[in-house]
Structures are given as structure tokens and as C-alpha cells.
């Protein structure tokens, strides 16, 4: 089919125009992903291709997705990995796909793992004594002790630690028994 013939169809023209707005690294993977929506024994219509790409485009461009009432970071690399994961599991999927839910779940999972790694690194920095400058003096004392109270203190959010530190300094208590 020539480009002129292709672009004469409104659905095809819209699909091509939408595809041209997508980041280049996703091109080949997206074509394979769209094939997961193709009904058995039929071609995927250009109107359907346009619809599917139009649903993805705003999320890909913004680098965010909403899943289960929460916003998740969704950089282009997560989209590429998520699509590749789905293609690798193609045999286990119920085809044709109806929507992007499974892909969004995969991408949200990547974002969740990234957040968990960042949180674990921050906790490790606190445990190893590399505490942020804003951490209160009681945190430094807690870092050197080894009791259940200290472990509970380490797990507290920074805002709670700051309030506790202000309270302790206001009341004059600083030894471990006053906590």
C-alpha cells in the first residue's frame, strides 16, 4: 500500500500522526504490542490502532500513569521494558487484549520497586550513620545505641523525630529512659 493510499484513510492518517508523536525507542515494541490487540482471523483496523495509540500517548508523554488511584512514574524505559515483558509472556495472555490494564500494572510494579529501592537506600544511609543534616541530635544518639526503642525510633518518619526532639529539648529530658 502506498503512503498516499494509506493516508487517504482517515483512521490510518490519524494512527500515523499519533505514532509520529511517540518516542522513537518505543516504535518497534509498540508495533508488536499492538499486534496483541488483533482479533483472530482479522486485521487490526486503523481506527483501533489510532484509538490504542491515543490512549497511550498522553501517559507516555507525561511520564506518569494512574493505577489503582495512585500516580506512578512511567519513564520511556519503563514503557519499553513493560511492553517487552508482555511480549515475552504473550503465550500466557488471553488474546486479543481489550485494554492496557496489564501493561499499566507492570509499569506501576516497576515504579513501586524503584521507590522501594530508594527507600531502602535511604534507610541504609541512616543506619550507617550518614544521616541528613536536618536529622535531630537524638537521632545521632539513637544511631549509636542498640535497643528495641532505638529500632522503633529509626523507623519513625523524620517529621515525628523532629517533633520528639523538640519535645525532649523543651522538657529537658535526654537520657534513654525518658523516651
N, C-alpha and C. Protein backbone atom coordinates (compact mmCIF):
# COMPACT_ATOMS: atom_id res chain seq x y z
N UNK A 1 0.85 -1.17 0.00
CA UNK A 1 0.00 0.00 0.00
C UNK A 1 0.90 1.23 0.00
N UNK A 2 0.63 2.19 -0.87
CA UNK A 2 1.43 3.41 -0.94
C UNK A 2 1.07 4.33 0.23
N UNK A 3 1.96 5.26 0.52
CA UNK A 3 1.73 6.21 1.60
C UNK A 3 0.51 7.07 1.28
N UNK A 4 0.35 7.46 0.01
CA UNK A 4 -0.82 8.25 -0.38
C UNK A 4 -2.11 7.49 -0.10
N UNK A 5 -2.13 6.22 -0.46
CA UNK A 5 -3.32 5.39 -0.23
C UNK A 5 -3.57 5.24 1.27
N UNK A 6 -2.49 5.00 2.00
CA UNK A 6 -2.59 4.83 3.45
C UNK A 6 -3.17 6.09 4.10
N UNK A 7 -2.65 7.24 3.72
CA UNK A 7 -3.08 8.49 4.34
C UNK A 7 -4.44 8.98 3.85
N UNK A 8 -4.96 8.36 2.80
CA UNK A 8 -6.30 8.71 2.32
C UNK A 8 -7.37 8.23 3.30
N UNK A 9 -7.07 7.18 4.04
CA UNK A 9 -7.99 6.67 5.05
C UNK A 9 -7.83 7.52 6.31
N UNK A 10 -8.95 8.05 6.81
CA UNK A 10 -8.89 8.92 7.99
C UNK A 10 -8.30 8.19 9.20
N UNK A 11 -8.74 6.95 9.44
CA UNK A 11 -8.23 6.18 10.57
C UNK A 11 -6.74 5.93 10.45
N UNK A 12 -6.29 5.59 9.25
CA UNK A 12 -4.86 5.35 9.03
C UNK A 12 -4.07 6.63 9.22
N UNK A 13 -4.58 7.74 8.69
CA UNK A 13 -3.89 9.03 8.81
C UNK A 13 -3.76 9.42 10.29
N UNK A 14 -4.83 9.27 11.04
CA UNK A 14 -4.79 9.60 12.47
C UNK A 14 -3.82 8.68 13.22
N UNK A 15 -3.82 7.42 12.88
CA UNK A 15 -2.91 6.46 13.53
C UNK A 15 -1.46 6.83 13.25
N UNK A 16 -1.15 7.17 12.01
CA UNK A 16 0.22 7.54 11.65
C UNK A 16 0.62 8.83 12.36
N UNK A 17 -0.27 9.81 12.38
CA UNK A 17 0.03 11.08 13.04
C UNK A 17 0.27 10.88 14.55
N UNK A 18 -0.51 10.03 15.17
CA UNK A 18 -0.31 9.74 16.60
C UNK A 18 1.00 9.00 16.81
N UNK A 19 1.29 8.02 15.96
CA UNK A 19 2.53 7.25 16.08
C UNK A 19 3.75 8.14 15.94
N UNK A 20 3.68 9.16 15.11
CA UNK A 20 4.81 10.06 14.91
C UNK A 20 5.11 10.89 16.16
N UNK A 21 4.18 10.99 17.06
CA UNK A 21 4.38 11.76 18.30
C UNK A 21 5.01 10.93 19.41
N UNK A 22 5.08 9.63 19.22
CA UNK A 22 5.62 8.74 20.24
C UNK A 22 7.15 8.74 20.21
N UNK A 23 7.80 8.52 21.36
CA UNK A 23 9.27 8.46 21.38
C UNK A 23 9.78 7.31 20.51
N UNK A 24 10.85 7.59 19.77
CA UNK A 24 11.42 6.62 18.83
C UNK A 24 11.78 5.27 19.47
N UNK A 25 12.31 5.24 20.69
CA UNK A 25 12.70 3.94 21.25
C UNK A 25 11.55 2.94 21.40
N UNK A 26 10.32 3.44 21.35
CA UNK A 26 9.17 2.55 21.55
C UNK A 26 8.61 2.01 20.24
N UNK A 27 9.05 2.52 19.12
CA UNK A 27 8.46 2.19 17.83
C UNK A 27 8.22 0.72 17.57
N UNK A 28 9.28 -0.06 17.47
CA UNK A 28 9.16 -1.48 17.14
C UNK A 28 8.38 -2.24 18.21
N UNK A 29 8.67 -1.94 19.48
CA UNK A 29 7.97 -2.63 20.57
C UNK A 29 6.47 -2.33 20.53
N UNK A 30 6.11 -1.09 20.23
CA UNK A 30 4.69 -0.73 20.18
C UNK A 30 3.97 -1.44 19.03
N UNK A 31 4.63 -1.59 17.90
CA UNK A 31 4.01 -2.30 16.78
C UNK A 31 3.71 -3.74 17.20
N UNK A 32 4.67 -4.38 17.88
CA UNK A 32 4.46 -5.75 18.34
C UNK A 32 3.39 -5.79 19.43
N UNK A 33 3.36 -4.79 20.30
CA UNK A 33 2.36 -4.71 21.36
C UNK A 33 0.96 -4.58 20.75
N UNK A 34 0.83 -3.73 19.75
CA UNK A 34 -0.47 -3.54 19.10
C UNK A 34 -0.98 -4.84 18.49
N UNK A 35 -0.08 -5.69 18.06
CA UNK A 35 -0.50 -6.98 17.49
C UNK A 35 -1.23 -7.84 18.53
N UNK A 36 -0.99 -7.58 19.82
CA UNK A 36 -1.67 -8.34 20.88
C UNK A 36 -3.16 -7.99 20.92
N UNK A 37 -3.56 -6.92 20.26
CA UNK A 37 -4.96 -6.49 20.23
C UNK A 37 -5.69 -6.99 18.98
N UNK A 38 -4.95 -7.62 18.07
CA UNK A 38 -5.54 -8.06 16.80
C UNK A 38 -6.43 -9.27 17.01
N UNK A 39 -7.69 -9.16 16.58
CA UNK A 39 -8.60 -10.30 16.70
C UNK A 39 -8.12 -11.46 15.81
N UNK A 40 -8.39 -12.67 16.24
CA UNK A 40 -8.02 -13.85 15.45
C UNK A 40 -8.70 -13.78 14.09
N UNK A 41 -7.99 -14.15 13.07
CA UNK A 41 -8.51 -14.25 11.71
C UNK A 41 -8.87 -12.89 11.09
N UNK A 42 -8.47 -11.78 11.72
CA UNK A 42 -8.79 -10.46 11.17
C UNK A 42 -7.60 -9.53 11.33
N UNK A 43 -7.64 -8.45 10.59
CA UNK A 43 -6.65 -7.39 10.73
C UNK A 43 -7.11 -6.41 11.81
N UNK A 44 -6.16 -5.73 12.39
CA UNK A 44 -6.47 -4.67 13.35
C UNK A 44 -6.77 -3.41 12.53
N UNK A 45 -7.95 -2.85 12.72
CA UNK A 45 -8.33 -1.68 11.92
C UNK A 45 -7.47 -0.48 12.30
N UNK A 46 -7.31 0.43 11.35
CA UNK A 46 -6.55 1.64 11.62
C UNK A 46 -7.24 2.50 12.67
N UNK A 47 -8.56 2.47 12.69
CA UNK A 47 -9.29 3.21 13.72
C UNK A 47 -8.94 2.67 15.11
N UNK A 48 -8.85 1.36 15.23
CA UNK A 48 -8.49 0.74 16.52
C UNK A 48 -7.04 1.07 16.89
N UNK A 49 -6.14 1.03 15.90
CA UNK A 49 -4.73 1.39 16.15
C UNK A 49 -4.66 2.83 16.65
N UNK A 50 -5.38 3.72 15.99
CA UNK A 50 -5.39 5.12 16.42
C UNK A 50 -5.92 5.24 17.85
N UNK A 51 -6.99 4.54 18.14
CA UNK A 51 -7.59 4.59 19.48
C UNK A 51 -6.60 4.10 20.54
N UNK A 52 -5.95 2.99 20.27
CA UNK A 52 -4.99 2.43 21.23
C UNK A 52 -3.81 3.37 21.45
N UNK A 53 -3.26 3.90 20.36
CA UNK A 53 -2.12 4.81 20.48
C UNK A 53 -2.52 6.11 21.18
N UNK A 54 -3.73 6.57 20.91
CA UNK A 54 -4.21 7.80 21.54
C UNK A 54 -4.39 7.63 23.04
N UNK A 55 -4.70 6.43 23.48
CA UNK A 55 -4.81 6.17 24.92
C UNK A 55 -3.43 6.18 25.57
N UNK A 56 -2.42 5.69 24.86
CA UNK A 56 -1.08 5.59 25.41
C UNK A 56 -0.31 6.91 25.35
N UNK A 57 -0.49 7.66 24.29
CA UNK A 57 0.33 8.86 24.03
C UNK A 57 0.39 9.83 25.21
N UNK A 58 -0.73 10.25 25.80
CA UNK A 58 -0.62 11.21 26.91
C UNK A 58 0.16 10.65 28.10
N UNK A 59 0.00 9.38 28.37
CA UNK A 59 0.71 8.78 29.51
C UNK A 59 2.20 8.71 29.23
N UNK A 60 2.55 8.31 28.02
CA UNK A 60 3.97 8.21 27.66
C UNK A 60 4.61 9.58 27.67
N UNK A 61 3.95 10.57 27.10
CA UNK A 61 4.50 11.92 27.05
C UNK A 61 4.66 12.54 28.43
N UNK A 62 3.71 12.27 29.32
CA UNK A 62 3.79 12.85 30.67
C UNK A 62 4.76 12.10 31.57
N UNK A 63 5.07 10.85 31.22
CA UNK A 63 5.95 10.06 32.06
C UNK A 63 5.28 9.61 33.35
N UNK A 64 3.94 9.57 33.34
CA UNK A 64 3.18 9.18 34.52
C UNK A 64 1.99 8.33 34.10
N UNK A 65 1.60 7.44 34.99
CA UNK A 65 0.37 6.68 34.80
C UNK A 65 -0.42 6.73 36.09
N UNK A 66 -1.71 6.52 35.97
CA UNK A 66 -2.55 6.41 37.17
C UNK A 66 -3.05 4.98 37.22
N UNK A 67 -2.82 4.35 38.34
CA UNK A 67 -3.23 2.96 38.51
C UNK A 67 -3.70 2.78 39.94
N UNK A 68 -4.89 2.24 40.11
CA UNK A 68 -5.46 1.99 41.44
C UNK A 68 -5.48 3.26 42.29
N UNK A 69 -5.84 4.38 41.66
CA UNK A 69 -5.98 5.63 42.39
C UNK A 69 -4.69 6.31 42.77
N UNK A 70 -3.59 5.88 42.19
CA UNK A 70 -2.29 6.45 42.55
C UNK A 70 -1.53 6.80 41.28
N UNK A 71 -0.76 7.89 41.32
CA UNK A 71 0.10 8.24 40.20
C UNK A 71 1.45 7.56 40.36
N UNK A 72 1.95 7.01 39.27
CA UNK A 72 3.23 6.33 39.26
C UNK A 72 4.13 6.94 38.20
N UNK A 73 5.41 7.01 38.47
CA UNK A 73 6.38 7.45 37.47
C UNK A 73 6.43 6.40 36.37
N UNK A 74 6.46 6.86 35.12
CA UNK A 74 6.49 5.94 33.98
C UNK A 74 7.38 6.49 32.88
N UNK A 75 8.71 6.44 33.11
CA UNK A 75 9.62 6.92 32.07
C UNK A 75 9.57 6.01 30.84
N UNK A 76 10.06 6.50 29.72
CA UNK A 76 10.01 5.75 28.46
C UNK A 76 10.64 4.36 28.63
N UNK A 77 11.70 4.26 29.40
CA UNK A 77 12.36 2.96 29.59
C UNK A 77 11.43 1.97 30.27
N UNK A 78 10.60 2.42 31.18
CA UNK A 78 9.63 1.53 31.83
C UNK A 78 8.59 1.04 30.83
N UNK A 79 8.18 1.91 29.92
CA UNK A 79 7.24 1.51 28.87
C UNK A 79 7.87 0.42 28.00
N UNK A 80 9.12 0.66 27.60
CA UNK A 80 9.80 -0.31 26.74
C UNK A 80 9.92 -1.66 27.45
N UNK A 81 10.37 -1.64 28.69
CA UNK A 81 10.53 -2.88 29.45
C UNK A 81 9.19 -3.57 29.66
N UNK A 82 8.16 -2.79 29.99
CA UNK A 82 6.83 -3.37 30.22
C UNK A 82 6.28 -4.04 28.98
N UNK A 83 6.44 -3.38 27.84
CA UNK A 83 5.98 -3.97 26.58
C UNK A 83 6.76 -5.23 26.26
N UNK A 84 8.08 -5.18 26.45
CA UNK A 84 8.89 -6.37 26.19
C UNK A 84 8.51 -7.52 27.12
N UNK A 85 8.20 -7.21 28.37
CA UNK A 85 7.76 -8.25 29.31
C UNK A 85 6.46 -8.89 28.84
N UNK A 86 5.54 -8.05 28.39
CA UNK A 86 4.26 -8.59 27.88
C UNK A 86 4.48 -9.45 26.64
N UNK A 87 5.36 -9.02 25.76
CA UNK A 87 5.63 -9.80 24.54
C UNK A 87 6.26 -11.14 24.90
N UNK A 88 7.10 -11.15 25.92
CA UNK A 88 7.73 -12.39 26.36
C UNK A 88 6.70 -13.35 26.96
N UNK A 89 5.63 -12.80 27.54
CA UNK A 89 4.58 -13.61 28.17
C UNK A 89 3.37 -13.79 27.25
N UNK A 90 3.52 -13.45 25.99
CA UNK A 90 2.43 -13.49 25.01
C UNK A 90 1.64 -14.78 25.07
N UNK A 91 2.32 -15.92 25.21
CA UNK A 91 1.65 -17.23 25.22
C UNK A 91 0.73 -17.41 26.42
N UNK A 92 0.96 -16.66 27.48
CA UNK A 92 0.15 -16.81 28.70
C UNK A 92 -0.99 -15.79 28.77
N UNK A 93 -1.04 -14.87 27.82
CA UNK A 93 -2.07 -13.84 27.82
C UNK A 93 -3.33 -14.32 27.12
N UNK A 94 -4.45 -13.76 27.53
CA UNK A 94 -5.71 -14.01 26.84
C UNK A 94 -5.82 -12.97 25.73
N UNK A 95 -5.70 -13.45 24.50
CA UNK A 95 -5.71 -12.55 23.35
C UNK A 95 -7.02 -12.66 22.60
N UNK A 96 -7.44 -11.63 21.95
CA UNK A 96 -6.81 -10.32 21.87
C UNK A 96 -7.03 -9.52 23.16
N UNK A 97 -6.05 -8.66 23.48
CA UNK A 97 -6.19 -7.81 24.65
C UNK A 97 -7.34 -6.84 24.43
N UNK A 98 -7.95 -6.44 25.51
CA UNK A 98 -9.07 -5.50 25.44
C UNK A 98 -8.64 -4.08 25.81
N UNK A 99 -7.62 -3.97 26.65
CA UNK A 99 -7.16 -2.67 27.11
C UNK A 99 -5.72 -2.73 27.57
N UNK A 100 -5.25 -1.67 28.17
CA UNK A 100 -3.85 -1.54 28.58
C UNK A 100 -3.62 -1.86 30.06
N UNK A 101 -4.62 -2.40 30.73
CA UNK A 101 -4.53 -2.62 32.17
C UNK A 101 -3.32 -3.42 32.62
N UNK A 102 -3.03 -4.51 31.93
CA UNK A 102 -1.90 -5.36 32.35
C UNK A 102 -0.59 -4.61 32.17
N UNK A 103 -0.44 -3.88 31.07
CA UNK A 103 0.78 -3.10 30.85
C UNK A 103 0.94 -2.04 31.93
N UNK A 104 -0.13 -1.37 32.28
CA UNK A 104 -0.06 -0.35 33.33
C UNK A 104 0.28 -0.96 34.68
N UNK A 105 -0.22 -2.16 34.94
CA UNK A 105 0.12 -2.86 36.19
C UNK A 105 1.61 -3.18 36.23
N UNK A 106 2.16 -3.63 35.12
CA UNK A 106 3.60 -3.94 35.05
C UNK A 106 4.41 -2.68 35.31
N UNK A 107 4.04 -1.58 34.64
CA UNK A 107 4.79 -0.33 34.80
C UNK A 107 4.68 0.19 36.24
N UNK A 108 3.50 0.09 36.84
CA UNK A 108 3.34 0.50 38.24
C UNK A 108 4.21 -0.36 39.15
N UNK A 109 4.32 -1.64 38.82
CA UNK A 109 5.20 -2.53 39.58
C UNK A 109 6.65 -2.10 39.51
N UNK A 110 7.09 -1.68 38.32
CA UNK A 110 8.47 -1.18 38.18
C UNK A 110 8.67 0.06 39.05
N UNK A 111 7.70 0.97 39.01
CA UNK A 111 7.80 2.20 39.80
C UNK A 111 7.82 1.89 41.29
N UNK A 112 7.01 0.93 41.71
CA UNK A 112 6.96 0.52 43.11
C UNK A 112 8.31 -0.06 43.55
N UNK A 113 8.90 -0.88 42.71
CA UNK A 113 10.22 -1.45 43.04
C UNK A 113 11.29 -0.37 43.11
N UNK A 114 11.21 0.61 42.22
CA UNK A 114 12.17 1.71 42.24
C UNK A 114 12.03 2.51 43.52
N UNK A 115 10.79 2.80 43.93
CA UNK A 115 10.55 3.52 45.18
C UNK A 115 11.06 2.72 46.37
N UNK A 116 10.83 1.42 46.37
CA UNK A 116 11.27 0.57 47.48
C UNK A 116 12.80 0.56 47.58
N UNK A 117 13.47 0.49 46.43
CA UNK A 117 14.95 0.53 46.44
C UNK A 117 15.45 1.86 46.99
N UNK A 118 14.84 2.96 46.57
CA UNK A 118 15.25 4.28 47.06
C UNK A 118 15.03 4.40 48.56
N UNK A 119 13.90 3.88 49.03
CA UNK A 119 13.61 3.92 50.46
C UNK A 119 14.61 3.07 51.25
N UNK A 120 14.93 1.90 50.73
CA UNK A 120 15.89 1.02 51.40
C UNK A 120 17.27 1.67 51.45
N UNK A 121 17.65 2.35 50.38
CA UNK A 121 18.94 3.04 50.37
C UNK A 121 18.97 4.16 51.39
N UNK A 122 17.86 4.91 51.50
CA UNK A 122 17.79 5.99 52.48
C UNK A 122 17.87 5.44 53.89
N UNK A 123 17.18 4.34 54.15
CA UNK A 123 17.24 3.72 55.48
C UNK A 123 18.65 3.21 55.77
N UNK A 124 19.30 2.65 54.77
CA UNK A 124 20.67 2.15 54.95
C UNK A 124 21.61 3.31 55.27
N UNK A 125 21.42 4.43 54.59
CA UNK A 125 22.27 5.60 54.88
C UNK A 125 22.05 6.05 56.32
N UNK A 126 20.80 6.03 56.78
CA UNK A 126 20.53 6.42 58.16
C UNK A 126 21.18 5.44 59.13
N UNK A 127 21.05 4.14 58.85
CA UNK A 127 21.63 3.13 59.75
C UNK A 127 23.15 3.21 59.79
N UNK A 128 23.76 3.55 58.69
CA UNK A 128 25.22 3.56 58.64
C UNK A 128 25.81 4.86 59.19
N UNK A 129 24.93 5.76 59.67
CA UNK A 129 25.42 6.97 60.29
C UNK A 129 25.51 8.15 59.34
N UNK A 130 25.20 7.96 58.09
CA UNK A 130 25.23 9.07 57.14
C UNK A 130 23.84 9.69 57.13
N UNK A 131 23.53 10.39 58.20
CA UNK A 131 22.21 10.97 58.37
C UNK A 131 22.16 12.35 57.73
N UNK A 132 21.02 12.75 57.23
CA UNK A 132 20.88 14.10 56.68
C UNK A 132 21.12 15.14 57.76
N UNK A 133 21.58 16.32 57.36
CA UNK A 133 21.90 17.39 58.30
C UNK A 133 20.69 17.80 59.12
N UNK A 134 19.50 17.67 58.58
CA UNK A 134 18.29 18.09 59.29
C UNK A 134 17.87 17.12 60.38
N UNK A 135 18.51 15.96 60.47
CA UNK A 135 18.12 14.97 61.48
C UNK A 135 18.52 15.48 62.85
N UNK A 136 17.65 15.30 63.82
CA UNK A 136 17.85 15.85 65.15
C UNK A 136 18.96 15.13 65.91
N UNK A 137 19.42 15.75 67.01
CA UNK A 137 20.52 15.21 67.79
C UNK A 137 20.18 13.87 68.41
N UNK A 138 18.92 13.64 68.74
CA UNK A 138 18.55 12.37 69.34
C UNK A 138 18.77 11.23 68.34
N UNK A 139 18.66 11.53 67.06
CA UNK A 139 18.91 10.51 66.04
C UNK A 139 20.35 10.06 66.08
N UNK A 140 21.26 10.98 66.31
CA UNK A 140 22.67 10.61 66.39
C UNK A 140 22.92 9.74 67.61
N UNK A 141 22.27 10.05 68.72
CA UNK A 141 22.37 9.21 69.90
C UNK A 141 21.79 7.84 69.62
N UNK A 142 20.65 7.80 68.94
CA UNK A 142 19.98 6.55 68.63
C UNK A 142 20.82 5.68 67.71
N UNK A 143 21.57 6.30 66.82
CA UNK A 143 22.38 5.53 65.88
C UNK A 143 23.47 4.74 66.59
N UNK A 144 23.92 5.21 67.76
CA UNK A 144 24.99 4.51 68.45
C UNK A 144 24.47 3.45 69.43
N UNK A 145 23.22 3.49 69.80
CA UNK A 145 22.65 2.53 70.75
C UNK A 145 22.07 1.33 70.00
N UNK A 146 21.70 0.26 70.76
CA UNK A 146 21.17 -0.93 70.10
C UNK A 146 20.07 -1.56 70.94
N UNK A 147 18.90 -0.92 70.99
CA UNK A 147 17.79 -1.44 71.76
C UNK A 147 16.52 -1.43 70.92
N UNK A 148 15.47 -2.04 71.42
CA UNK A 148 14.20 -2.04 70.69
C UNK A 148 13.67 -0.63 70.50
N UNK A 149 13.82 0.21 71.50
CA UNK A 149 13.35 1.59 71.40
C UNK A 149 14.09 2.33 70.30
N UNK A 150 15.38 2.08 70.19
CA UNK A 150 16.18 2.72 69.15
C UNK A 150 15.73 2.24 67.77
N UNK A 151 15.47 0.95 67.64
CA UNK A 151 15.00 0.41 66.36
C UNK A 151 13.66 1.05 65.97
N UNK A 152 12.77 1.22 66.93
CA UNK A 152 11.49 1.86 66.66
C UNK A 152 11.70 3.32 66.28
N UNK A 153 12.66 3.98 66.98
CA UNK A 153 12.96 5.37 66.67
C UNK A 153 13.47 5.51 65.24
N UNK A 154 14.33 4.60 64.82
CA UNK A 154 14.89 4.66 63.46
C UNK A 154 13.80 4.50 62.40
N UNK A 155 12.76 3.77 62.71
CA UNK A 155 11.70 3.54 61.73
C UNK A 155 10.72 4.71 61.65
N UNK A 156 10.81 5.65 62.58
CA UNK A 156 9.90 6.79 62.59
C UNK A 156 10.16 7.71 61.41
N UNK A 157 9.12 8.33 60.90
CA UNK A 157 9.30 9.36 59.87
C UNK A 157 10.08 10.55 60.44
N UNK A 158 10.80 11.27 59.61
CA UNK A 158 11.62 12.40 60.04
C UNK A 158 10.80 13.45 60.77
N UNK A 159 9.57 13.70 60.32
CA UNK A 159 8.74 14.73 60.96
C UNK A 159 8.42 14.35 62.41
N UNK A 160 8.19 13.08 62.67
CA UNK A 160 7.91 12.62 64.04
C UNK A 160 9.17 12.75 64.89
N UNK A 161 10.31 12.41 64.30
CA UNK A 161 11.57 12.54 65.04
C UNK A 161 11.82 13.99 65.44
N UNK A 162 11.56 14.90 64.51
CA UNK A 162 11.76 16.32 64.81
C UNK A 162 10.85 16.78 65.93
N UNK A 163 9.58 16.36 65.90
CA UNK A 163 8.65 16.74 66.97
C UNK A 163 9.11 16.15 68.30
N UNK A 164 9.55 14.91 68.30
CA UNK A 164 10.04 14.26 69.51
C UNK A 164 11.27 14.98 70.05
N UNK A 165 12.17 15.36 69.17
CA UNK A 165 13.38 16.06 69.59
C UNK A 165 13.03 17.41 70.22
N UNK A 166 12.07 18.15 69.59
CA UNK A 166 11.65 19.44 70.17
C UNK A 166 11.04 19.23 71.55
N UNK A 167 10.22 18.20 71.70
CA UNK A 167 9.59 17.91 72.99
C UNK A 167 10.65 17.59 74.04
N UNK A 168 11.60 16.76 73.69
CA UNK A 168 12.65 16.36 74.64
C UNK A 168 13.47 17.57 75.07
N UNK A 169 13.84 18.41 74.09
CA UNK A 169 14.62 19.59 74.44
C UNK A 169 13.82 20.58 75.28
N UNK A 170 12.51 20.67 75.01
CA UNK A 170 11.65 21.59 75.76
C UNK A 170 11.51 21.12 77.20
N UNK A 171 11.40 19.78 77.42
CA UNK A 171 11.19 19.25 78.77
C UNK A 171 12.50 18.98 79.49
N UNK A 172 13.61 19.03 78.77
CA UNK A 172 14.91 18.82 79.40
C UNK A 172 15.33 17.38 79.50
N UNK A 173 14.53 16.42 79.03
CA UNK A 173 14.90 15.01 79.09
C UNK A 173 15.77 14.62 77.92
N UNK A 174 16.88 13.91 78.21
CA UNK A 174 17.76 13.47 77.12
C UNK A 174 18.23 12.04 77.28
N UNK A 175 18.05 11.44 78.47
CA UNK A 175 18.57 10.08 78.60
C UNK A 175 17.59 9.07 78.02
N UNK A 176 18.06 7.87 77.76
CA UNK A 176 17.28 6.82 77.11
C UNK A 176 16.03 6.43 77.87
N UNK A 177 16.00 6.61 79.20
CA UNK A 177 14.84 6.19 79.99
C UNK A 177 13.65 7.12 79.80
N UNK A 178 13.89 8.36 79.37
CA UNK A 178 12.80 9.31 79.21
C UNK A 178 12.05 9.10 77.89
N UNK A 179 12.60 8.34 76.97
CA UNK A 179 11.96 8.15 75.68
C UNK A 179 10.84 7.24 75.85
